[in-house]
Amino acid sequence: MRRLPLASVFVFLWLAERSHCTGSFQDSMRELHNRFAVSFYQTLTEAENRSNLIASPASVSLSLALLQLGARGNTRAQLEGTLGYNMDIFLPRFRMQNKFSLRSVLPALGVSDAFNPTAADFTGISVEEGLYVSDAVHEVRIEVTEDGTKAAAATVFIIPAMVLLKRSRAPVFKADRPFLFLLRQVNTGSILFMGRIMNPADQVM
């Protein structure tokens, strides 16, 4: 699979942490982490629109902690000082495919006459009378392999069994837990694909 030249893939990992915090507090912090990560990603892509980003809760929490504590003007320098950090990144190959009906979705968006046998009017595209749409099906598929995934300032190794083949001195980031992924068109900001992988071990191809 070839990488889209004008699109970037960024991945967020979330952790099921054991703590004494309430569920609502954890949900709020998780949403705050994701929003901050997306905002940070947008800032980075202004300089390099072909870069991919992998953000972990630890890195996002660290950035938020700097802002919360008050860095007295040093926050930017501290963040920039961490951008060149080298690590080995392991992502699983994964393929997703889904199909669902738009029969109930389109009428809610105002497209209802096309599904009504008495109100539908397709005379502009066919001379046959009585045409109407009985169903609308949307099918999506996305596949990420070695040829289609790269990360900025890091080397990405994609291996089926998520096994470290050789030990490296660099820290290891391994996507071996549930994660979200988004495929975003940089120039327009449009989200082309969005999904989640609940069990990376099941994605061996």
N, C-alpha and C. Protein backbone atom coordinates (compact mmCIF):
# COMPACT_ATOMS: atom_id res chain seq x y z
N MET A 1 0.84 -1.19 0.00
CA MET A 1 0.00 0.00 0.00
C MET A 1 0.88 1.23 0.00
N ARG A 2 0.67 2.15 -0.91
CA ARG A 2 1.49 3.34 -1.02
C ARG A 2 0.94 4.43 -0.10
N ARG A 3 1.85 5.22 0.44
CA ARG A 3 1.45 6.28 1.35
C ARG A 3 0.90 7.46 0.56
N LEU A 4 -0.22 8.01 1.01
CA LEU A 4 -0.78 9.19 0.38
C LEU A 4 0.16 10.37 0.62
N PRO A 5 0.56 11.09 -0.43
CA PRO A 5 1.55 12.15 -0.26
C PRO A 5 1.05 13.34 0.54
N LEU A 6 -0.27 13.58 0.54
CA LEU A 6 -0.79 14.76 1.20
C LEU A 6 -1.56 14.41 2.46
N ALA A 7 -1.33 13.26 2.99
CA ALA A 7 -2.06 12.84 4.19
C ALA A 7 -1.08 12.44 5.27
N SER A 8 -1.54 12.58 6.50
CA SER A 8 -0.72 12.20 7.64
C SER A 8 -1.52 11.28 8.53
N VAL A 9 -0.84 10.30 9.08
CA VAL A 9 -1.46 9.38 10.02
C VAL A 9 -0.92 9.68 11.40
N PHE A 10 -1.83 9.87 12.36
CA PHE A 10 -1.33 10.00 13.72
C PHE A 10 -2.13 9.09 14.63
N VAL A 11 -1.44 8.54 15.61
CA VAL A 11 -1.97 7.47 16.45
C VAL A 11 -1.93 7.93 17.90
N PHE A 12 -3.02 7.67 18.61
CA PHE A 12 -3.08 7.96 20.04
C PHE A 12 -3.30 6.67 20.80
N LEU A 13 -2.52 6.44 21.82
CA LEU A 13 -2.71 5.29 22.70
C LEU A 13 -3.42 5.76 23.96
N TRP A 14 -4.36 4.96 24.43
CA TRP A 14 -4.93 5.27 25.72
C TRP A 14 -4.75 4.07 26.63
N LEU A 15 -4.55 4.35 27.92
CA LEU A 15 -4.23 3.31 28.89
C LEU A 15 -5.37 3.17 29.89
N ALA A 16 -5.63 1.92 30.27
CA ALA A 16 -6.60 1.66 31.34
C ALA A 16 -5.83 1.65 32.65
N GLU A 17 -5.70 2.81 33.27
CA GLU A 17 -4.87 2.95 34.44
C GLU A 17 -5.66 2.61 35.70
N ARG A 18 -4.98 2.04 36.65
CA ARG A 18 -5.58 1.77 37.95
C ARG A 18 -5.26 2.93 38.88
N SER A 19 -6.28 3.57 39.38
CA SER A 19 -6.07 4.69 40.29
C SER A 19 -7.33 4.88 41.12
N HIS A 20 -7.26 5.85 42.00
CA HIS A 20 -8.40 6.16 42.85
C HIS A 20 -9.26 7.27 42.25
N CYS A 21 -8.97 7.69 41.04
CA CYS A 21 -9.75 8.74 40.40
C CYS A 21 -11.09 8.18 39.94
N THR A 22 -12.07 9.06 39.92
CA THR A 22 -13.39 8.64 39.46
C THR A 22 -13.38 8.46 37.95
N GLY A 23 -14.37 7.72 37.45
CA GLY A 23 -14.44 7.49 36.02
C GLY A 23 -14.65 8.76 35.24
N SER A 24 -15.48 9.69 35.76
CA SER A 24 -15.74 10.94 35.06
C SER A 24 -14.48 11.79 34.97
N PHE A 25 -13.67 11.77 36.03
CA PHE A 25 -12.42 12.54 35.99
C PHE A 25 -11.46 11.97 34.96
N GLN A 26 -11.36 10.64 34.91
CA GLN A 26 -10.48 10.01 33.94
C GLN A 26 -10.95 10.28 32.52
N ASP A 27 -12.27 10.27 32.30
CA ASP A 27 -12.80 10.58 30.97
C ASP A 27 -12.47 12.01 30.58
N SER A 28 -12.58 12.94 31.53
CA SER A 28 -12.27 14.34 31.24
C SER A 28 -10.80 14.51 30.90
N MET A 29 -9.92 13.84 31.66
CA MET A 29 -8.50 13.96 31.38
C MET A 29 -8.15 13.32 30.05
N ARG A 30 -8.79 12.20 29.71
CA ARG A 30 -8.53 11.55 28.44
C ARG A 30 -8.92 12.47 27.28
N GLU A 31 -10.08 13.13 27.41
CA GLU A 31 -10.51 14.05 26.36
C GLU A 31 -9.57 15.24 26.27
N LEU A 32 -9.12 15.75 27.41
CA LEU A 32 -8.18 16.87 27.42
C LEU A 32 -6.87 16.49 26.77
N HIS A 33 -6.38 15.28 27.04
CA HIS A 33 -5.14 14.80 26.43
C HIS A 33 -5.28 14.75 24.91
N ASN A 34 -6.39 14.20 24.44
CA ASN A 34 -6.58 14.06 22.99
C ASN A 34 -6.68 15.42 22.31
N ARG A 35 -7.40 16.35 22.93
CA ARG A 35 -7.54 17.68 22.33
C ARG A 35 -6.19 18.40 22.28
N PHE A 36 -5.42 18.27 23.34
CA PHE A 36 -4.11 18.91 23.36
C PHE A 36 -3.20 18.29 22.31
N ALA A 37 -3.27 16.96 22.17
CA ALA A 37 -2.42 16.29 21.19
C ALA A 37 -2.77 16.72 19.78
N VAL A 38 -4.07 16.85 19.48
CA VAL A 38 -4.48 17.28 18.14
C VAL A 38 -4.01 18.70 17.87
N SER A 39 -4.16 19.58 18.87
CA SER A 39 -3.70 20.96 18.70
C SER A 39 -2.20 21.03 18.50
N PHE A 40 -1.46 20.23 19.25
CA PHE A 40 -0.01 20.18 19.11
C PHE A 40 0.37 19.64 17.74
N TYR A 41 -0.37 18.63 17.27
CA TYR A 41 -0.13 18.06 15.94
C TYR A 41 -0.31 19.11 14.86
N GLN A 42 -1.37 19.91 14.96
CA GLN A 42 -1.63 20.94 13.96
C GLN A 42 -0.50 21.96 13.92
N THR A 43 0.04 22.29 15.08
CA THR A 43 1.16 23.23 15.14
C THR A 43 2.39 22.65 14.46
N LEU A 44 2.65 21.38 14.67
CA LEU A 44 3.82 20.75 14.06
C LEU A 44 3.69 20.67 12.54
N THR A 45 2.48 20.40 12.04
CA THR A 45 2.31 20.23 10.60
C THR A 45 2.40 21.55 9.85
N GLU A 46 2.34 22.67 10.54
CA GLU A 46 2.54 23.95 9.86
C GLU A 46 3.95 24.04 9.30
N ALA A 47 4.88 23.41 9.97
CA ALA A 47 6.28 23.43 9.51
C ALA A 47 6.58 22.29 8.55
N GLU A 48 5.98 21.15 8.75
CA GLU A 48 6.25 19.98 7.90
C GLU A 48 4.94 19.23 7.71
N ASN A 49 4.33 19.40 6.53
CA ASN A 49 2.99 18.84 6.34
C ASN A 49 2.99 17.39 5.91
N ARG A 50 4.13 16.75 5.88
CA ARG A 50 4.16 15.33 5.53
C ARG A 50 4.54 14.45 6.72
N SER A 51 4.65 15.05 7.87
CA SER A 51 5.10 14.31 9.04
C SER A 51 3.94 13.57 9.69
N ASN A 52 4.25 12.40 10.22
CA ASN A 52 3.30 11.64 11.02
C ASN A 52 3.63 11.84 12.49
N LEU A 53 2.64 11.68 13.32
CA LEU A 53 2.82 11.92 14.74
C LEU A 53 2.30 10.75 15.53
N ILE A 54 3.06 10.32 16.51
CA ILE A 54 2.61 9.29 17.44
C ILE A 54 2.70 9.89 18.84
N ALA A 55 1.57 10.00 19.51
CA ALA A 55 1.51 10.63 20.81
C ALA A 55 1.03 9.64 21.85
N SER A 56 1.77 9.52 22.92
CA SER A 56 1.36 8.65 24.02
C SER A 56 0.81 9.49 25.16
N PRO A 57 -0.01 8.90 26.03
CA PRO A 57 -0.53 9.67 27.17
C PRO A 57 0.58 10.25 28.04
N ALA A 58 1.71 9.56 28.13
CA ALA A 58 2.80 10.06 28.97
C ALA A 58 3.34 11.37 28.43
N SER A 59 3.56 11.46 27.11
CA SER A 59 4.12 12.68 26.53
C SER A 59 3.13 13.82 26.62
N VAL A 60 1.84 13.54 26.39
CA VAL A 60 0.82 14.59 26.47
C VAL A 60 0.68 15.06 27.91
N SER A 61 0.67 14.14 28.86
CA SER A 61 0.56 14.50 30.27
C SER A 61 1.73 15.37 30.71
N LEU A 62 2.92 15.06 30.20
CA LEU A 62 4.09 15.85 30.55
C LEU A 62 3.94 17.28 30.06
N SER A 63 3.47 17.44 28.83
CA SER A 63 3.28 18.78 28.28
C SER A 63 2.23 19.55 29.07
N LEU A 64 1.13 18.88 29.41
CA LEU A 64 0.09 19.53 30.20
C LEU A 64 0.61 19.91 31.58
N ALA A 65 1.45 19.07 32.16
CA ALA A 65 2.00 19.37 33.47
C ALA A 65 2.87 20.62 33.43
N LEU A 66 3.64 20.78 32.36
CA LEU A 66 4.47 21.98 32.23
C LEU A 66 3.61 23.23 32.18
N LEU A 67 2.50 23.15 31.44
CA LEU A 67 1.62 24.31 31.33
C LEU A 67 0.92 24.59 32.66
N GLN A 68 0.50 23.53 33.36
CA GLN A 68 -0.22 23.69 34.61
C GLN A 68 0.67 24.30 35.70
N LEU A 69 1.92 23.85 35.75
CA LEU A 69 2.83 24.32 36.78
C LEU A 69 3.35 25.72 36.49
N GLY A 70 3.31 26.12 35.23
CA GLY A 70 3.80 27.43 34.87
C GLY A 70 5.28 27.39 34.58
N ALA A 71 5.62 27.43 33.30
CA ALA A 71 7.03 27.30 32.92
C ALA A 71 7.72 28.65 32.77
N ARG A 72 6.96 29.75 33.01
CA ARG A 72 7.55 31.10 32.99
C ARG A 72 8.29 31.39 31.68
N GLY A 73 7.63 31.09 30.59
CA GLY A 73 8.22 31.41 29.29
C GLY A 73 9.12 30.35 28.73
N ASN A 74 9.37 29.29 29.48
CA ASN A 74 10.28 28.26 29.02
C ASN A 74 9.56 27.06 28.42
N THR A 75 8.23 27.08 28.40
CA THR A 75 7.48 25.92 27.92
C THR A 75 7.84 25.58 26.48
N ARG A 76 7.88 26.58 25.63
CA ARG A 76 8.18 26.32 24.22
C ARG A 76 9.57 25.71 24.07
N ALA A 77 10.54 26.28 24.78
CA ALA A 77 11.90 25.74 24.68
C ALA A 77 11.97 24.32 25.21
N GLN A 78 11.23 24.04 26.27
CA GLN A 78 11.24 22.69 26.83
C GLN A 78 10.59 21.69 25.88
N LEU A 79 9.49 22.11 25.25
CA LEU A 79 8.84 21.22 24.29
C LEU A 79 9.72 20.98 23.07
N GLU A 80 10.34 22.06 22.56
CA GLU A 80 11.20 21.91 21.40
C GLU A 80 12.40 21.03 21.72
N GLY A 81 12.85 21.07 22.96
CA GLY A 81 13.99 20.26 23.34
C GLY A 81 13.71 18.78 23.35
N THR A 82 12.43 18.41 23.38
CA THR A 82 12.06 16.99 23.39
C THR A 82 11.66 16.48 22.02
N LEU A 83 11.51 17.36 21.03
CA LEU A 83 11.01 16.93 19.72
C LEU A 83 12.00 16.04 18.99
N GLY A 84 13.29 16.18 19.27
CA GLY A 84 14.29 15.39 18.57
C GLY A 84 14.64 14.09 19.26
N TYR A 85 13.81 13.67 20.18
CA TYR A 85 14.09 12.45 20.96
C TYR A 85 13.95 11.23 20.07
N ASN A 86 14.98 10.38 20.06
CA ASN A 86 14.97 9.18 19.22
C ASN A 86 14.44 7.99 20.00
N MET A 87 13.65 7.18 19.34
CA MET A 87 13.16 5.96 19.95
C MET A 87 12.78 4.98 18.85
N ASP A 88 12.72 3.71 19.22
CA ASP A 88 12.26 2.67 18.31
C ASP A 88 10.75 2.53 18.46
N ILE A 89 10.04 2.65 17.35
CA ILE A 89 8.58 2.60 17.37
C ILE A 89 8.12 1.33 16.68
N PHE A 90 7.27 0.59 17.35
CA PHE A 90 6.73 -0.65 16.81
C PHE A 90 5.22 -0.51 16.66
N LEU A 91 4.76 -0.58 15.42
CA LEU A 91 3.33 -0.53 15.14
C LEU A 91 2.92 -1.82 14.45
N PRO A 92 1.75 -2.32 14.76
CA PRO A 92 1.30 -3.54 14.08
C PRO A 92 0.79 -3.23 12.68
N ARG A 93 0.96 -4.15 11.78
CA ARG A 93 0.22 -4.05 10.53
C ARG A 93 -1.26 -4.20 10.89
N PHE A 94 -2.10 -3.43 10.23
CA PHE A 94 -3.51 -3.65 10.48
C PHE A 94 -4.33 -3.32 9.25
N ARG A 95 -5.42 -4.00 9.16
CA ARG A 95 -6.36 -3.82 8.05
C ARG A 95 -7.77 -3.76 8.64
N MET A 96 -8.52 -2.75 8.24
CA MET A 96 -9.89 -2.61 8.72
C MET A 96 -10.84 -2.49 7.55
N GLN A 97 -11.97 -3.12 7.67
CA GLN A 97 -13.00 -3.05 6.63
C GLN A 97 -14.36 -3.09 7.31
N ASN A 98 -15.23 -2.20 6.90
CA ASN A 98 -16.55 -2.13 7.51
C ASN A 98 -17.58 -1.68 6.47
N LYS A 99 -18.79 -2.13 6.67
CA LYS A 99 -19.87 -1.77 5.75
C LYS A 99 -21.12 -1.51 6.58
N PHE A 100 -21.81 -0.40 6.29
CA PHE A 100 -23.02 -0.11 7.03
C PHE A 100 -23.99 0.65 6.13
N SER A 101 -25.25 0.59 6.51
CA SER A 101 -26.33 1.19 5.72
C SER A 101 -26.51 2.65 6.09
N LEU A 102 -26.75 3.48 5.06
CA LEU A 102 -27.03 4.90 5.26
C LEU A 102 -28.52 5.19 5.18
N ARG A 103 -29.33 4.14 5.21
CA ARG A 103 -30.78 4.30 5.03
C ARG A 103 -31.39 5.19 6.10
N SER A 104 -30.90 5.15 7.30
CA SER A 104 -31.43 5.99 8.37
C SER A 104 -30.61 7.27 8.57
N VAL A 105 -29.39 7.28 8.05
CA VAL A 105 -28.52 8.44 8.24
C VAL A 105 -28.87 9.57 7.28
N LEU A 106 -29.02 9.25 5.99
CA LEU A 106 -29.25 10.29 4.98
C LEU A 106 -30.56 11.05 5.20
N PRO A 107 -31.68 10.39 5.52
CA PRO A 107 -32.89 11.16 5.80
C PRO A 107 -32.72 12.14 6.95
N ALA A 108 -31.92 11.77 7.95
CA ALA A 108 -31.68 12.68 9.07
C ALA A 108 -30.89 13.91 8.63
N LEU A 109 -30.16 13.79 7.50
CA LEU A 109 -29.40 14.92 6.96
C LEU A 109 -30.19 15.69 5.92
N GLY A 110 -31.44 15.29 5.69
CA GLY A 110 -32.29 16.01 4.75
C GLY A 110 -32.49 15.33 3.41
N VAL A 111 -31.81 14.20 3.18
CA VAL A 111 -31.96 13.46 1.93
C VAL A 111 -33.02 12.38 2.16
N SER A 112 -34.27 12.75 1.98
CA SER A 112 -35.36 11.82 2.29
C SER A 112 -36.20 11.45 1.07
N ASP A 113 -36.39 12.39 0.13
CA ASP A 113 -37.25 12.12 -1.02
C ASP A 113 -36.74 10.96 -1.86
N ALA A 114 -35.42 10.80 -1.93
CA ALA A 114 -34.86 9.75 -2.77
C ALA A 114 -35.29 8.36 -2.31
N PHE A 115 -35.61 8.21 -1.04
CA PHE A 115 -36.02 6.91 -0.50
C PHE A 115 -37.53 6.72 -0.50
N ASN A 116 -38.24 7.75 -0.91
CA ASN A 116 -39.71 7.69 -0.92
C ASN A 116 -40.20 7.33 -2.31
N PRO A 117 -40.88 6.19 -2.49
CA PRO A 117 -41.32 5.77 -3.83
C PRO A 117 -42.25 6.77 -4.50
N THR A 118 -43.00 7.54 -3.73
CA THR A 118 -43.94 8.50 -4.32
C THR A 118 -43.31 9.88 -4.53
N ALA A 119 -42.28 10.22 -3.76
CA ALA A 119 -41.68 11.55 -3.86
C ALA A 119 -40.38 11.56 -4.66
N ALA A 120 -39.77 10.43 -4.86
CA ALA A 120 -38.50 10.38 -5.58
C ALA A 120 -38.67 10.81 -7.03
N ASP A 121 -37.73 11.60 -7.53
CA ASP A 121 -37.77 12.08 -8.92
C ASP A 121 -36.38 11.95 -9.52
N PHE A 122 -36.21 10.92 -10.34
CA PHE A 122 -34.93 10.68 -11.01
C PHE A 122 -35.07 10.82 -12.53
N THR A 123 -36.02 11.66 -12.94
CA THR A 123 -36.24 11.85 -14.39
C THR A 123 -35.04 12.53 -15.05
N GLY A 124 -34.21 13.18 -14.27
CA GLY A 124 -33.04 13.84 -14.84
C GLY A 124 -31.95 12.88 -15.24
N ILE A 125 -31.99 11.65 -14.75
CA ILE A 125 -30.95 10.68 -15.07
C ILE A 125 -31.50 9.43 -15.74
N SER A 126 -32.82 9.29 -15.78
CA SER A 126 -33.41 8.10 -16.40
C SER A 126 -34.82 8.43 -16.89
N VAL A 127 -35.19 7.83 -18.01
CA VAL A 127 -36.54 8.02 -18.55
C VAL A 127 -37.53 7.06 -17.90
N GLU A 128 -37.03 6.10 -17.19
CA GLU A 128 -37.91 5.13 -16.53
C GLU A 128 -38.56 5.76 -15.31
N GLU A 129 -39.84 5.58 -15.16
CA GLU A 129 -40.58 6.16 -14.06
C GLU A 129 -40.61 5.21 -12.85
N GLY A 130 -40.88 5.80 -11.71
CA GLY A 130 -41.02 5.01 -10.49
C GLY A 130 -39.71 4.61 -9.84
N LEU A 131 -38.61 5.23 -10.25
CA LEU A 131 -37.33 4.90 -9.63
C LEU A 131 -37.18 5.57 -8.26
N TYR A 132 -36.65 4.84 -7.32
CA TYR A 132 -36.32 5.40 -6.01
C TYR A 132 -35.19 4.57 -5.40
N VAL A 133 -34.61 5.09 -4.38
CA VAL A 133 -33.49 4.42 -3.72
C VAL A 133 -34.02 3.57 -2.58
N SER A 134 -33.75 2.28 -2.63
CA SER A 134 -34.21 1.39 -1.56
C SER A 134 -33.23 1.33 -0.40
N ASP A 135 -31.96 1.50 -0.68
CA ASP A 135 -30.96 1.46 0.38
C ASP A 135 -29.67 2.10 -0.13
N ALA A 136 -28.88 2.59 0.77
CA ALA A 136 -27.56 3.16 0.46
C ALA A 136 -26.56 2.53 1.41
N VAL A 137 -25.52 1.95 0.85
CA VAL A 137 -24.53 1.22 1.64
C VAL A 137 -23.18 1.91 1.51
N HIS A 138 -22.55 2.12 2.64
CA HIS A 138 -21.22 2.74 2.67
C HIS A 138 -20.23 1.70 3.16
N GLU A 139 -19.16 1.49 2.40
CA GLU A 139 -18.14 0.51 2.76
C GLU A 139 -16.78 1.19 2.77
N VAL A 140 -16.03 0.98 3.81
CA VAL A 140 -14.71 1.59 3.95
C VAL A 140 -13.68 0.50 4.23
N ARG A 141 -12.45 0.79 3.84
CA ARG A 141 -11.35 -0.13 4.08
C ARG A 141 -10.06 0.66 4.19
N ILE A 142 -9.26 0.32 5.15
CA ILE A 142 -7.95 0.95 5.31
C ILE A 142 -6.95 -0.12 5.70
N GLU A 143 -5.76 0.00 5.15
CA GLU A 143 -4.71 -0.98 5.41
C GLU A 143 -3.40 -0.25 5.63
N VAL A 144 -2.72 -0.59 6.68
CA VAL A 144 -1.44 0.03 7.01
C VAL A 144 -0.38 -1.06 7.03
N THR A 145 0.65 -0.87 6.21
CA THR A 145 1.76 -1.83 6.13
C THR A 145 3.08 -1.08 6.22
N GLU A 146 4.17 -1.81 6.02
CA GLU A 146 5.49 -1.18 6.06
C GLU A 146 5.62 -0.06 5.03
N ASP A 147 5.02 -0.22 3.88
CA ASP A 147 5.17 0.76 2.82
C ASP A 147 4.28 1.97 3.02
N GLY A 148 3.34 1.89 3.96
CA GLY A 148 2.38 2.98 4.09
C GLY A 148 2.42 3.74 5.39
N THR A 149 3.40 3.46 6.25
CA THR A 149 3.45 4.14 7.54
C THR A 149 4.87 4.58 7.84
N LYS A 150 5.02 5.84 8.16
CA LYS A 150 6.30 6.37 8.60
C LYS A 150 6.03 7.37 9.72
N ALA A 151 6.99 7.55 10.60
CA ALA A 151 6.85 8.50 11.70
C ALA A 151 7.98 9.50 11.64
N ALA A 152 7.68 10.76 11.94
CA ALA A 152 8.69 11.80 11.89
C ALA A 152 9.71 11.62 13.00
N ALA A 153 10.95 11.83 12.67
CA ALA A 153 12.06 11.79 13.63
C ALA A 153 12.18 10.44 14.30
N ALA A 154 11.79 9.39 13.62
CA ALA A 154 11.91 8.04 14.18
C ALA A 154 11.82 7.03 13.06
N THR A 155 12.33 5.86 13.31
CA THR A 155 12.22 4.75 12.37
C THR A 155 11.10 3.84 12.83
N VAL A 156 10.20 3.50 11.92
CA VAL A 156 9.06 2.67 12.27
C VAL A 156 9.31 1.25 11.81
N PHE A 157 9.22 0.30 12.72
CA PHE A 157 9.32 -1.11 12.40
C PHE A 157 7.93 -1.72 12.58
N ILE A 158 7.39 -2.32 11.55
CA ILE A 158 6.07 -2.94 11.63
C ILE A 158 6.26 -4.44 11.50
N ILE A 159 6.00 -5.16 12.57
CA ILE A 159 6.23 -6.59 12.57
C ILE A 159 4.97 -7.29 13.06
N PRO A 160 4.65 -8.45 12.48
CA PRO A 160 3.38 -9.11 12.79
C PRO A 160 3.20 -9.48 14.25
N ALA A 161 4.21 -10.04 14.88
CA ALA A 161 4.03 -10.59 16.22
C ALA A 161 4.39 -9.59 17.31
N MET A 162 4.71 -8.36 16.95
CA MET A 162 5.07 -7.33 17.92
C MET A 162 6.26 -7.76 18.78
N VAL A 163 7.25 -8.39 18.17
CA VAL A 163 8.42 -8.87 18.90
C VAL A 163 9.62 -8.02 18.53
N LEU A 164 10.37 -7.60 19.51
CA LEU A 164 11.59 -6.83 19.27
C LEU A 164 12.68 -7.77 18.77
N LEU A 165 13.07 -7.60 17.50
CA LEU A 165 14.02 -8.52 16.90
C LEU A 165 15.43 -8.33 17.44
N LYS A 166 15.81 -7.10 17.68
CA LYS A 166 17.13 -6.86 18.23
C LYS A 166 17.05 -5.72 19.25
N ARG A 167 17.85 -5.80 20.24
CA ARG A 167 17.79 -4.81 21.31
C ARG A 167 18.51 -3.54 20.88
N SER A 168 17.87 -2.42 21.15
CA SER A 168 18.43 -1.13 20.78
C SER A 168 18.64 -0.30 22.04
N ARG A 169 19.55 0.65 21.95
CA ARG A 169 19.78 1.54 23.08
C ARG A 169 18.69 2.59 23.19
N ALA A 170 17.97 2.84 22.13
CA ALA A 170 16.92 3.85 22.15
C ALA A 170 15.70 3.32 22.91
N PRO A 171 14.94 4.21 23.55
CA PRO A 171 13.70 3.78 24.20
C PRO A 171 12.75 3.16 23.18
N VAL A 172 11.88 2.30 23.66
CA VAL A 172 10.97 1.56 22.78
C VAL A 172 9.54 2.02 23.03
N PHE A 173 8.85 2.34 21.95
CA PHE A 173 7.43 2.66 21.98
C PHE A 173 6.71 1.56 21.21
N LYS A 174 5.92 0.76 21.90
CA LYS A 174 5.27 -0.39 21.27
C LYS A 174 3.76 -0.25 21.36
N ALA A 175 3.09 -0.24 20.21
CA ALA A 175 1.63 -0.12 20.17
C ALA A 175 1.01 -1.49 20.37
N ASP A 176 1.09 -1.99 21.60
CA ASP A 176 0.57 -3.32 21.90
C ASP A 176 -0.68 -3.27 22.77
N ARG A 177 -1.37 -2.14 22.73
CA ARG A 177 -2.60 -1.96 23.48
C ARG A 177 -3.58 -1.17 22.62
N PRO A 178 -4.82 -1.00 23.03
CA PRO A 178 -5.79 -0.31 22.17
C PRO A 178 -5.32 1.09 21.77
N PHE A 179 -5.58 1.45 20.51
CA PHE A 179 -5.22 2.79 20.05
C PHE A 179 -6.22 3.28 19.01
N LEU A 180 -6.30 4.59 18.91
CA LEU A 180 -7.10 5.25 17.88
C LEU A 180 -6.19 5.66 16.74
N PHE A 181 -6.72 5.70 15.53
CA PHE A 181 -5.94 6.21 14.41
C PHE A 181 -6.83 7.10 13.55
N LEU A 182 -6.21 8.13 13.00
CA LEU A 182 -6.90 9.06 12.12
C LEU A 182 -6.03 9.31 10.90
N LEU A 183 -6.64 9.33 9.73
CA LEU A 183 -5.96 9.68 8.49
C LEU A 183 -6.50 11.04 8.08
N ARG A 184 -5.63 12.05 8.11
CA ARG A 184 -6.06 13.44 7.92
C ARG A 184 -5.38 14.05 6.71
N GLN A 185 -6.17 14.68 5.84
CA GLN A 185 -5.65 15.39 4.69
C GLN A 185 -5.13 16.74 5.17
N VAL A 186 -3.83 16.97 5.00
CA VAL A 186 -3.19 18.11 5.63
C VAL A 186 -3.70 19.43 5.09
N ASN A 187 -3.78 19.58 3.77
CA ASN A 187 -4.10 20.87 3.18
C ASN A 187 -5.50 21.35 3.52
N THR A 188 -6.45 20.42 3.58
CA THR A 188 -7.85 20.79 3.85
C THR A 188 -8.25 20.56 5.29
N GLY A 189 -7.48 19.75 6.01
CA GLY A 189 -7.84 19.43 7.38
C GLY A 189 -8.93 18.39 7.50
N SER A 190 -9.32 17.77 6.40
CA SER A 190 -10.41 16.80 6.41
C SER A 190 -9.93 15.47 6.99
N ILE A 191 -10.77 14.85 7.82
CA ILE A 191 -10.50 13.52 8.34
C ILE A 191 -11.00 12.51 7.33
N LEU A 192 -10.08 11.78 6.69
CA LEU A 192 -10.45 10.82 5.66
C LEU A 192 -10.89 9.50 6.26
N PHE A 193 -10.19 9.05 7.28
CA PHE A 193 -10.53 7.81 7.97
C PHE A 193 -10.32 8.01 9.47
N MET A 194 -11.14 7.35 10.25
CA MET A 194 -10.96 7.36 11.69
C MET A 194 -11.43 6.03 12.24
N GLY A 195 -10.64 5.43 13.11
CA GLY A 195 -11.03 4.13 13.65
C GLY A 195 -10.24 3.81 14.89
N ARG A 196 -10.45 2.62 15.41
CA ARG A 196 -9.74 2.19 16.60
C ARG A 196 -9.37 0.72 16.48
N ILE A 197 -8.25 0.37 17.04
CA ILE A 197 -7.79 -1.01 17.12
C ILE A 197 -7.85 -1.41 18.59
N MET A 198 -8.73 -2.36 18.92
CA MET A 198 -8.91 -2.76 20.31
C MET A 198 -7.87 -3.78 20.75
N ASN A 199 -7.47 -4.68 19.84
CA ASN A 199 -6.50 -5.71 20.18
C ASN A 199 -5.47 -5.83 19.06
N PRO A 200 -4.35 -5.12 19.16
CA PRO A 200 -3.34 -5.16 18.09
C PRO A 200 -2.85 -6.57 17.78
N ALA A 201 -2.89 -7.47 18.75
CA ALA A 201 -2.40 -8.83 18.51
C ALA A 201 -3.26 -9.57 17.51
N ASP A 202 -4.51 -9.16 17.35
CA ASP A 202 -5.40 -9.82 16.40
C ASP A 202 -5.24 -9.29 14.98
N GLN A 203 -4.37 -8.27 14.79
CA GLN A 203 -4.24 -7.63 13.49
C GLN A 203 -3.11 -8.20 12.66
N VAL A 204 -2.54 -9.33 13.06
CA VAL A 204 -1.44 -9.94 12.30
C VAL A 204 -1.91 -10.30 10.91
N MET A 205 -1.16 -9.88 9.88
CA MET A 205 -1.55 -10.12 8.49
C MET A 205 -0.49 -10.98 7.79
